[in-house]
């Protein structure tokens, strides 16, 4: 008789345990990007069951209220949660290394390539802008190079020199743009949209700073400027006054 009672009690316990266990659904996401993460190991430390989620970041597992669940994946810090009565289990894993957003590589030319192309396109202008020595050496000795003097005085040569200055200025801006990029600034500030554009315009570094600084110095520059930006995001700096060269010899 006692054996029958014991059997009934065990059966009741088994049925109760089966009904208390829930087949739960869940998902694992990146805490930073909110994108789904696959091949995550999920362990129910109470029941000692272990599963892996699928390629879409989804999983199913049995859990009883009070069970402790742990999600683990290489390159991420583990995340722990206790199942109570959640409808969906959501693990949010933080990367254990610094996250750098994916940068799409395009066939954009480097500043040096663009400048060299401009030199080819405006070869005559560069030739006029650098006419050479004003003196020439002929059979009778040193003398004035008439062609060079003409080039120096001609309107075409003045326009050519103006053009080369513009091209050199454009080259410098391209160098800045190649390092001071929206992706880089967004990564260190979290700004986007109009705020990102406004920040990049207000705190655009100079060409000479860009060529003299390394990646760490540029990162510190952006972070320090962002501290100023947060104090007053709507602040507008006055543009620098134009430089005026006065020829006192005239």
Foldseek 3Di string as FASTA:
>chain_A
DVVVVVVVVVVVVVVVVVVQKDWAKEFEAEQVPRAGDFQKWKAFVVVRDIDGAHPRRMDIDIDGQQTKMWIDDPQWDIFIDGDHPDRYDYHHTYGPDQDQDDDDDDPDDALVVVLVVVCVVPVVLVCLLPVDDQWDQDPVGIDGDVVNVCSVPDPSSVVSNVVNVVSVVVSLVRLLPVQVDLSLLCSLQVDDDPLSVLLCVQQRDGSVCSVVDDPVVVSVSSNVSSVVCVVPVPDHDDDDDDDDDDDPVD
